[in-house]
PDB file of all heavy atoms in Angstrom:
ATOM      1  N   PHE A   1     -30.822 -29.317  35.457  1.00  0.00           N
ATOM      2  CA  PHE A   1     -30.424 -30.275  36.492  1.00  0.00           C
ATOM      3  C   PHE A   1     -30.325 -29.534  37.819  1.00  0.00           C
ATOM      4  O   PHE A   1     -30.149 -28.317  37.862  1.00  0.00           O
ATOM      5  CB  PHE A   1     -29.092 -30.948  36.146  1.00  0.00           C
ATOM      6  CG  PHE A   1     -27.970 -29.989  35.847  1.00  0.00           C
ATOM      7  CD1 PHE A   1     -27.133 -29.530  36.855  1.00  0.00           C
ATOM      8  CD2 PHE A   1     -27.763 -29.536  34.552  1.00  0.00           C
ATOM      9  CE1 PHE A   1     -26.101 -28.634  36.574  1.00  0.00           C
ATOM     10  CE2 PHE A   1     -26.729 -28.650  34.255  1.00  0.00           C
ATOM     11  CZ  PHE A   1     -25.905 -28.201  35.275  1.00  0.00           C
ATOM     12  N   ASP A   2     -30.466 -30.294  38.887  1.00  0.00           N
ATOM     13  CA  ASP A   2     -30.306 -29.741  40.230  1.00  0.00           C
ATOM     14  C   ASP A   2     -28.827 -29.728  40.589  1.00  0.00           C
ATOM     15  O   ASP A   2     -28.062 -30.596  40.149  1.00  0.00           O
ATOM     16  CB  ASP A   2     -31.048 -30.602  41.258  1.00  0.00           C
ATOM     17  CG  ASP A   2     -32.552 -30.564  41.059  1.00  0.00           C
ATOM     18  OD1 ASP A   2     -33.069 -29.501  40.672  1.00  0.00           O
ATOM     19  OD2 ASP A   2     -33.197 -31.611  41.288  1.00  0.00           O
ATOM     20  N   LYS A   3     -28.449 -28.776  41.404  1.00  0.00           N
ATOM     21  CA  LYS A   3     -27.054 -28.681  41.823  1.00  0.00           C
ATOM     22  C   LYS A   3     -26.593 -29.986  42.488  1.00  0.00           C
ATOM     23  O   LYS A   3     -25.451 -30.397  42.335  1.00  0.00           O
ATOM     24  CB  LYS A   3     -26.879 -27.493  42.769  1.00  0.00           C
ATOM     25  CG  LYS A   3     -25.455 -27.128  43.029  1.00  0.00           C
ATOM     26  CD  LYS A   3     -25.331 -25.824  43.774  1.00  0.00           C
ATOM     27  CE  LYS A   3     -23.873 -25.451  43.872  1.00  0.00           C
ATOM     28  NZ  LYS A   3     -23.690 -24.125  44.455  1.00  0.00           N
ATOM     29  N   ALA A   4     -27.510 -30.649  43.179  1.00  0.00           N
ATOM     30  CA  ALA A   4     -27.172 -31.910  43.849  1.00  0.00           C
ATOM     31  C   ALA A   4     -26.819 -33.011  42.848  1.00  0.00           C
ATOM     32  O   ALA A   4     -26.105 -33.952  43.190  1.00  0.00           O
ATOM     33  CB  ALA A   4     -28.342 -32.357  44.731  1.00  0.00           C
ATOM     34  N   ASP A   5     -27.311 -32.898  41.600  1.00  0.00           N
ATOM     35  CA  ASP A   5     -27.033 -33.897  40.558  1.00  0.00           C
ATOM     36  C   ASP A   5     -25.696 -33.672  39.861  1.00  0.00           C
ATOM     37  O   ASP A   5     -25.230 -34.530  39.122  1.00  0.00           O
ATOM     38  CB  ASP A   5     -28.127 -33.869  39.479  1.00  0.00           C
ATOM     39  CG  ASP A   5     -29.463 -34.333  40.003  1.00  0.00           C
ATOM     40  OD1 ASP A   5     -29.490 -35.204  40.887  1.00  0.00           O
ATOM     41  OD2 ASP A   5     -30.483 -33.822  39.511  1.00  0.00           O
ATOM     42  N   MET A   6     -25.100 -32.534  40.094  1.00  0.00           N
ATOM     43  CA  MET A   6     -23.922 -32.103  39.344  1.00  0.00           C
ATOM     44  C   MET A   6     -22.626 -32.561  40.018  1.00  0.00           C
ATOM     45  O   MET A   6     -22.525 -32.599  41.232  1.00  0.00           O
ATOM     46  CB  MET A   6     -23.977 -30.572  39.282  1.00  0.00           C
ATOM     47  CG  MET A   6     -22.799 -29.889  38.704  1.00  0.00           C
ATOM     48  SD  MET A   6     -23.017 -28.094  38.822  1.00  0.00           S
ATOM     49  CE  MET A   6     -22.158 -27.764  40.336  1.00  0.00           C
ATOM     50  N   SER A   7     -21.645 -32.891  39.187  1.00  0.00           N
ATOM     51  CA  SER A   7     -20.301 -33.210  39.667  1.00  0.00           C
ATOM     52  C   SER A   7     -19.325 -32.289  38.946  1.00  0.00           C
ATOM     53  O   SER A   7     -19.562 -31.884  37.807  1.00  0.00           O
ATOM     54  CB  SER A   7     -19.967 -34.669  39.352  1.00  0.00           C
ATOM     55  OG  SER A   7     -18.609 -34.936  39.672  1.00  0.00           O
ATOM     56  N   THR A   8     -18.230 -31.960  39.600  1.00  0.00           N
ATOM     57  CA  THR A   8     -17.210 -31.133  38.956  1.00  0.00           C
ATOM     58  C   THR A   8     -16.078 -31.981  38.385  1.00  0.00           C
ATOM     59  O   THR A   8     -15.086 -31.448  37.912  1.00  0.00           O
ATOM     60  CB  THR A   8     -16.631 -30.095  39.939  1.00  0.00           C
ATOM     61  OG1 THR A   8     -16.133 -30.778  41.090  1.00  0.00           O
ATOM     62  CG2 THR A   8     -17.703 -29.090  40.342  1.00  0.00           C
ATOM     63  N   SER A   9     -16.268 -33.300  38.426  1.00  0.00           N
ATOM     64  CA  SER A   9     -15.255 -34.186  37.835  1.00  0.00           C
ATOM     65  C   SER A   9     -15.953 -35.316  37.082  1.00  0.00           C
ATOM     66  O   SER A   9     -17.052 -35.722  37.427  1.00  0.00           O
ATOM     67  CB  SER A   9     -14.321 -34.732  38.912  1.00  0.00           C
ATOM     68  OG  SER A   9     -15.059 -35.469  39.864  1.00  0.00           O
ATOM     69  N   PRO A  10     -15.286 -35.809  36.034  1.00  0.00           N
ATOM     70  CA  PRO A  10     -15.898 -36.866  35.223  1.00  0.00           C
ATOM     71  C   PRO A  10     -15.953 -38.194  35.981  1.00  0.00           C
ATOM     72  O   PRO A  10     -15.047 -38.518  36.746  1.00  0.00           O
ATOM     73  CB  PRO A  10     -14.974 -36.959  34.014  1.00  0.00           C
ATOM     74  CG  PRO A  10     -13.669 -36.421  34.477  1.00  0.00           C
ATOM     75  CD  PRO A  10     -13.967 -35.421  35.552  1.00  0.00           C
ATOM     76  N   GLU A  11     -17.030 -38.905  35.771  1.00  0.00           N
ATOM     77  CA  GLU A  11     -17.204 -40.243  36.335  1.00  0.00           C
ATOM     78  C   GLU A  11     -18.046 -41.043  35.369  1.00  0.00           C
ATOM     79  O   GLU A  11     -18.760 -40.479  34.534  1.00  0.00           O
ATOM     80  CB  GLU A  11     -17.920 -40.169  37.690  1.00  0.00           C
ATOM     81  CG  GLU A  11     -17.177 -39.395  38.757  1.00  0.00           C
ATOM     82  CD  GLU A  11     -18.010 -39.215  40.022  1.00  0.00           C
ATOM     83  OE1 GLU A  11     -18.848 -40.080  40.326  1.00  0.00           O
ATOM     84  OE2 GLU A  11     -17.815 -38.188  40.689  1.00  0.00           O
ATOM     85  N   MET A  12     -18.008 -42.361  35.491  1.00  0.00           N
ATOM     86  CA  MET A  12     -18.852 -43.218  34.663  1.00  0.00           C
ATOM     87  C   MET A  12     -20.318 -42.845  34.895  1.00  0.00           C
ATOM     88  O   MET A  12     -20.715 -42.546  36.022  1.00  0.00           O
ATOM     89  CB  MET A  12     -18.643 -44.691  35.027  1.00  0.00           C
ATOM     90  CG  MET A  12     -17.328 -45.261  34.526  1.00  0.00           C
ATOM     91  SD  MET A  12     -17.242 -45.311  32.731  1.00  0.00           S
ATOM     92  CE  MET A  12     -18.340 -46.647  32.391  1.00  0.00           C
ATOM     93  N   GLY A  13     -21.082 -42.827  33.808  1.00  0.00           N
ATOM     94  CA  GLY A  13     -22.508 -42.541  33.915  1.00  0.00           C
ATOM     95  C   GLY A  13     -22.843 -41.064  33.936  1.00  0.00           C
ATOM     96  O   GLY A  13     -23.996 -40.694  34.138  1.00  0.00           O
ATOM     97  N   LEU A  14     -21.832 -40.213  33.727  1.00  0.00           N
ATOM     98  CA  LEU A  14     -22.050 -38.765  33.712  1.00  0.00           C
ATOM     99  C   LEU A  14     -21.720 -38.191  32.341  1.00  0.00           C
ATOM    100  O   LEU A  14     -20.841 -38.694  31.638  1.00  0.00           O
ATOM    101  CB  LEU A  14     -21.203 -38.068  34.780  1.00  0.00           C
ATOM    102  CG  LEU A  14     -21.441 -38.483  36.234  1.00  0.00           C
ATOM    103  CD1 LEU A  14     -20.532 -37.676  37.158  1.00  0.00           C
ATOM    104  CD2 LEU A  14     -22.890 -38.316  36.636  1.00  0.00           C
ATOM    105  N   VAL A  15     -22.426 -37.130  31.981  1.00  0.00           N
ATOM    106  CA  VAL A  15     -22.242 -36.454  30.690  1.00  0.00           C
ATOM    107  C   VAL A  15     -21.684 -35.054  30.957  1.00  0.00           C
ATOM    108  O   VAL A  15     -22.194 -34.341  31.832  1.00  0.00           O
ATOM    109  CB  VAL A  15     -23.598 -36.343  29.945  1.00  0.00           C
ATOM    110  CG1 VAL A  15     -23.469 -35.524  28.674  1.00  0.00           C
ATOM    111  CG2 VAL A  15     -24.163 -37.727  29.656  1.00  0.00           C
ATOM    112  N   PRO A  16     -20.657 -34.630  30.217  1.00  0.00           N
ATOM    113  CA  PRO A  16     -20.131 -33.267  30.402  1.00  0.00           C
ATOM    114  C   PRO A  16     -21.102 -32.223  29.862  1.00  0.00           C
ATOM    115  O   PRO A  16     -21.745 -32.423  28.830  1.00  0.00           O
ATOM    116  CB  PRO A  16     -18.829 -33.274  29.611  1.00  0.00           C
ATOM    117  CG  PRO A  16     -18.994 -34.342  28.593  1.00  0.00           C
ATOM    118  CD  PRO A  16     -19.915 -35.370  29.188  1.00  0.00           C
ATOM    119  N   ILE A  17     -21.173 -31.103  30.574  1.00  0.00           N
ATOM    120  CA  ILE A  17     -22.079 -30.009  30.224  1.00  0.00           C
ATOM    121  C   ILE A  17     -21.274 -28.726  30.051  1.00  0.00           C
ATOM    122  O   ILE A  17     -20.493 -28.339  30.931  1.00  0.00           O
ATOM    123  CB  ILE A  17     -23.136 -29.803  31.334  1.00  0.00           C
ATOM    124  CG1 ILE A  17     -23.973 -31.076  31.538  1.00  0.00           C
ATOM    125  CG2 ILE A  17     -24.016 -28.592  31.039  1.00  0.00           C
ATOM    126  CD1 ILE A  17     -24.853 -31.463  30.382  1.00  0.00           C
ATOM    127  N   LEU A  18     -21.468 -28.090  28.906  1.00  0.00           N
ATOM    128  CA  LEU A  18     -20.859 -26.784  28.627  1.00  0.00           C
ATOM    129  C   LEU A  18     -21.742 -25.690  29.224  1.00  0.00           C
ATOM    130  O   LEU A  18     -22.962 -25.812  29.254  1.00  0.00           O
ATOM    131  CB  LEU A  18     -20.784 -26.552  27.120  1.00  0.00           C
ATOM    132  CG  LEU A  18     -19.933 -27.506  26.297  1.00  0.00           C
ATOM    133  CD1 LEU A  18     -20.252 -27.348  24.822  1.00  0.00           C
ATOM    134  CD2 LEU A  18     -18.463 -27.261  26.571  1.00  0.00           C
ATOM    135  N   ARG A  19     -21.095 -24.615  29.629  1.00  0.00           N
ATOM    136  CA  ARG A  19     -21.817 -23.436  30.106  1.00  0.00           C
ATOM    137  C   ARG A  19     -21.362 -22.231  29.297  1.00  0.00           C
ATOM    138  O   ARG A  19     -20.489 -22.344  28.435  1.00  0.00           O
ATOM    139  CB  ARG A  19     -21.555 -23.263  31.596  1.00  0.00           C
ATOM    140  CG  ARG A  19     -22.064 -24.489  32.365  1.00  0.00           C
ATOM    141  CD  ARG A  19     -21.803 -24.425  33.822  1.00  0.00           C
ATOM    142  NE  ARG A  19     -20.390 -24.624  34.117  1.00  0.00           N
ATOM    143  CZ  ARG A  19     -19.870 -24.514  35.320  1.00  0.00           C
ATOM    144  NH1 ARG A  19     -20.619 -24.200  36.340  1.00  0.00           N
ATOM    145  NH2 ARG A  19     -18.586 -24.707  35.513  1.00  0.00           N
ATOM    146  N   ALA A  20     -21.951 -21.092  29.559  1.00  0.00           N
ATOM    147  CA  ALA A  20     -21.655 -19.887  28.770  1.00  0.00           C
ATOM    148  C   ALA A  20     -20.158 -19.595  28.718  1.00  0.00           C
ATOM    149  O   ALA A  20     -19.645 -19.170  27.684  1.00  0.00           O
ATOM    150  CB  ALA A  20     -22.417 -18.685  29.317  1.00  0.00           C
ATOM    151  N   GLY A  21     -19.447 -19.829  29.798  1.00  0.00           N
ATOM    152  CA  GLY A  21     -18.010 -19.569  29.835  1.00  0.00           C
ATOM    153  C   GLY A  21     -17.204 -20.451  28.887  1.00  0.00           C
ATOM    154  O   GLY A  21     -16.066 -20.132  28.565  1.00  0.00           O
ATOM    155  N   ASN A  22     -17.798 -21.542  28.428  1.00  0.00           N
ATOM    156  CA  ASN A  22     -17.123 -22.430  27.484  1.00  0.00           C
ATOM    157  C   ASN A  22     -17.307 -21.987  26.037  1.00  0.00           C
ATOM    158  O   ASN A  22     -16.718 -22.562  25.131  1.00  0.00           O
ATOM    159  CB  ASN A  22     -17.648 -23.867  27.621  1.00  0.00           C
ATOM    160  CG  ASN A  22     -17.421 -24.435  28.992  1.00  0.00           C
ATOM    161  OD1 ASN A  22     -18.322 -24.439  29.816  1.00  0.00           O
ATOM    162  ND2 ASN A  22     -16.214 -24.897  29.256  1.00  0.00           N
ATOM    163  N   ILE A  23     -18.164 -20.992  25.834  1.00  0.00           N
ATOM    164  CA  ILE A  23     -18.470 -20.530  24.481  1.00  0.00           C
ATOM    165  C   ILE A  23     -17.657 -19.277  24.195  1.00  0.00           C
ATOM    166  O   ILE A  23     -17.864 -18.232  24.812  1.00  0.00           O
ATOM    167  CB  ILE A  23     -19.980 -20.235  24.313  1.00  0.00           C
ATOM    168  CG1 ILE A  23     -20.806 -21.487  24.636  1.00  0.00           C
ATOM    169  CG2 ILE A  23     -20.274 -19.731  22.903  1.00  0.00           C
ATOM    170  CD1 ILE A  23     -22.302 -21.238  24.687  1.00  0.00           C
ATOM    171  N   GLY A  24     -16.710 -19.400  23.264  1.00  0.00           N
ATOM    172  CA  GLY A  24     -15.887 -18.272  22.844  1.00  0.00           C
ATOM    173  C   GLY A  24     -15.760 -18.313  21.334  1.00  0.00           C
ATOM    174  O   GLY A  24     -16.682 -18.749  20.640  1.00  0.00           O
ATOM    175  N   GLN A  25     -14.627 -17.907  20.812  1.00  0.00           N
ATOM    176  CA  GLN A  25     -14.407 -18.055  19.372  1.00  0.00           C
ATOM    177  C   GLN A  25     -14.501 -19.528  18.985  1.00  0.00           C
ATOM    178  O   GLN A  25     -14.908 -19.861  17.888  1.00  0.00           O
ATOM    179  CB  GLN A  25     -13.050 -17.471  18.963  1.00  0.00           C
ATOM    180  CG  GLN A  25     -13.002 -15.960  19.015  1.00  0.00           C
ATOM    181  CD  GLN A  25     -13.970 -15.339  18.027  1.00  0.00           C
ATOM    182  OE1 GLN A  25     -14.083 -15.758  16.885  1.00  0.00           O
ATOM    183  NE2 GLN A  25     -14.698 -14.330  18.479  1.00  0.00           N
ATOM    184  N   ARG A  26     -14.122 -20.389  19.910  1.00  0.00           N
ATOM    185  CA  ARG A  26     -14.256 -21.843  19.759  1.00  0.00           C
ATOM    186  C   ARG A  26     -14.859 -22.363  21.056  1.00  0.00           C
ATOM    187  O   ARG A  26     -14.820 -21.688  22.079  1.00  0.00           O
ATOM    188  CB  ARG A  26     -12.893 -22.480  19.532  1.00  0.00           C
ATOM    189  CG  ARG A  26     -12.195 -21.962  18.292  1.00  0.00           C
ATOM    190  CD  ARG A  26     -10.963 -22.758  18.077  1.00  0.00           C
ATOM    191  NE  ARG A  26     -11.333 -23.831  17.157  1.00  0.00           N
ATOM    192  CZ  ARG A  26     -10.589 -24.177  16.133  1.00  0.00           C
ATOM    193  NH1 ARG A  26      -9.453 -23.583  15.920  1.00  0.00           N
ATOM    194  NH2 ARG A  26     -10.965 -25.130  15.323  1.00  0.00           N
ATOM    195  N   LEU A  27     -15.387 -23.582  21.007  1.00  0.00           N
ATOM    196  CA  LEU A  27     -15.881 -24.217  22.223  1.00  0.00           C
ATOM    197  C   LEU A  27     -14.711 -24.746  23.044  1.00  0.00           C
ATOM    198  O   LEU A  27     -13.812 -25.380  22.500  1.00  0.00           O
ATOM    199  CB  LEU A  27     -16.797 -25.396  21.887  1.00  0.00           C
ATOM    200  CG  LEU A  27     -18.222 -25.082  21.524  1.00  0.00           C
ATOM    201  CD1 LEU A  27     -18.988 -26.369  21.246  1.00  0.00           C
ATOM    202  CD2 LEU A  27     -18.920 -24.279  22.593  1.00  0.00           C
ATOM    203  N   ASP A  28     -14.735 -24.501  24.321  1.00  0.00           N
ATOM    204  CA  ASP A  28     -13.759 -25.079  25.234  1.00  0.00           C
ATOM    205  C   ASP A  28     -14.425 -26.296  25.872  1.00  0.00           C
ATOM    206  O   ASP A  28     -15.255 -26.149  26.776  1.00  0.00           O
ATOM    207  CB  ASP A  28     -13.351 -24.064  26.295  1.00  0.00           C
ATOM    208  CG  ASP A  28     -12.338 -24.609  27.282  1.00  0.00           C
ATOM    209  OD1 ASP A  28     -12.015 -25.819  27.224  1.00  0.00           O
ATOM    210  OD2 ASP A  28     -11.880 -23.827  28.129  1.00  0.00           O
ATOM    211  N   VAL A  29     -14.087 -27.478  25.389  1.00  0.00           N
ATOM    212  CA  VAL A  29     -14.698 -28.711  25.881  1.00  0.00           C
ATOM    213  C   VAL A  29     -13.802 -29.409  26.909  1.00  0.00           C
ATOM    214  O   VAL A  29     -14.023 -30.570  27.234  1.00  0.00           O
ATOM    215  CB  VAL A  29     -15.058 -29.679  24.717  1.00  0.00           C
ATOM    216  CG1 VAL A  29     -16.095 -29.065  23.806  1.00  0.00           C
ATOM    217  CG2 VAL A  29     -13.822 -30.090  23.953  1.00  0.00           C
ATOM    218  N   ILE A  30     -12.831 -28.675  27.440  1.00  0.00           N
ATOM    219  CA  ILE A  30     -11.875 -29.238  28.400  1.00  0.00           C
ATOM    220  C   ILE A  30     -12.046 -28.608  29.789  1.00  0.00           C
ATOM    221  O   ILE A  30     -12.118 -29.313  30.785  1.00  0.00           O
ATOM    222  CB  ILE A  30     -10.419 -28.992  27.934  1.00  0.00           C
ATOM    223  CG1 ILE A  30     -10.206 -29.477  26.514  1.00  0.00           C
ATOM    224  CG2 ILE A  30      -9.431 -29.580  28.926  1.00  0.00           C
ATOM    225  CD1 ILE A  30      -9.924 -30.930  26.347  1.00  0.00           C
ATOM    226  N   ASN A  31     -12.097 -27.287  29.852  1.00  0.00           N
ATOM    227  CA  ASN A  31     -12.051 -26.566  31.123  1.00  0.00           C
ATOM    228  C   ASN A  31     -13.439 -26.174  31.627  1.00  0.00           C
ATOM    229  O   ASN A  31     -14.346 -25.914  30.850  1.00  0.00           O
ATOM    230  CB  ASN A  31     -11.202 -25.296  30.961  1.00  0.00           C
ATOM    231  CG  ASN A  31      -9.796 -25.620  30.529  1.00  0.00           C
ATOM    232  OD1 ASN A  31      -9.063 -26.300  31.239  1.00  0.00           O
ATOM    233  ND2 ASN A  31      -9.424 -25.164  29.350  1.00  0.00           N
ATOM    234  N   ASP A  32     -13.550 -26.098  32.950  1.00  0.00           N
ATOM    235  CA  ASP A  32     -14.734 -25.560  33.624  1.00  0.00           C
ATOM    236  C   ASP A  32     -16.037 -26.252  33.218  1.00  0.00           C
ATOM    237  O   ASP A  32     -17.068 -25.606  33.054  1.00  0.00           O
ATOM    238  CB  ASP A  32     -14.822 -24.045  33.380  1.00  0.00           C
ATOM    239  CG  ASP A  32     -15.725 -23.371  34.396  1.00  0.00           C
ATOM    240  OD1 ASP A  32     -15.794 -23.859  35.542  1.00  0.00           O
ATOM    241  OD2 ASP A  32     -16.373 -22.374  34.044  1.00  0.00           O
ATOM    242  N   LEU A  33     -15.982 -27.568  33.034  1.00  0.00           N
ATOM    243  CA  LEU A  33     -17.181 -28.339  32.731  1.00  0.00           C
ATOM    244  C   LEU A  33     -17.824 -28.813  34.024  1.00  0.00           C
ATOM    245  O   LEU A  33     -17.172 -28.878  35.071  1.00  0.00           O
ATOM    246  CB  LEU A  33     -16.828 -29.569  31.889  1.00  0.00           C
ATOM    247  CG  LEU A  33     -16.162 -29.324  30.537  1.00  0.00           C
ATOM    248  CD1 LEU A  33     -15.722 -30.650  29.934  1.00  0.00           C
ATOM    249  CD2 LEU A  33     -17.095 -28.586  29.605  1.00  0.00           C
ATOM    250  N   VAL A  34     -19.086 -29.150  33.949  1.00  0.00           N
ATOM    251  CA  VAL A  34     -19.746 -29.895  35.009  1.00  0.00           C
ATOM    252  C   VAL A  34     -20.280 -31.172  34.382  1.00  0.00           C
ATOM    253  O   VAL A  34     -20.432 -31.252  33.155  1.00  0.00           O
ATOM    254  CB  VAL A  34     -20.873 -29.080  35.686  1.00  0.00           C
ATOM    255  CG1 VAL A  34     -20.300 -27.872  36.403  1.00  0.00           C
ATOM    256  CG2 VAL A  34     -21.950 -28.686  34.711  1.00  0.00           C
ATOM    257  N   TRP A  35     -20.521 -32.166  35.195  1.00  0.00           N
ATOM    258  CA  TRP A  35     -21.019 -33.452  34.701  1.00  0.00           C
ATOM    259  C   TRP A  35     -22.331 -33.765  35.401  1.00  0.00           C
ATOM    260  O   TRP A  35     -22.469 -33.531  36.616  1.00  0.00           O
ATOM    261  CB  TRP A  35     -20.000 -34.562  34.973  1.00  0.00           C
ATOM    262  CG  TRP A  35     -18.839 -34.553  34.033  1.00  0.00           C
ATOM    263  CD1 TRP A  35     -18.696 -35.334  32.920  1.00  0.00           C
ATOM    264  CD2 TRP A  35     -17.672 -33.742  34.086  1.00  0.00           C
ATOM    265  NE1 TRP A  35     -17.503 -35.046  32.288  1.00  0.00           N
ATOM    266  CE2 TRP A  35     -16.860 -34.074  32.993  1.00  0.00           C
ATOM    267  CE3 TRP A  35     -17.229 -32.751  34.960  1.00  0.00           C
ATOM    268  CZ2 TRP A  35     -15.644 -33.470  32.739  1.00  0.00           C
ATOM    269  CZ3 TRP A  35     -16.020 -32.142  34.718  1.00  0.00           C
ATOM    270  CH2 TRP A  35     -15.238 -32.503  33.623  1.00  0.00           C
TER     271      TRP A  35
END
């Protein structure tokens, strides 16, 4: 995705995206997401 398409907060019509920082012993599906 382009940076212009990305949001740092959830909104209708957006899907959360995990990044490398969300991958640890467990997935962090709460913090530091982009939509």
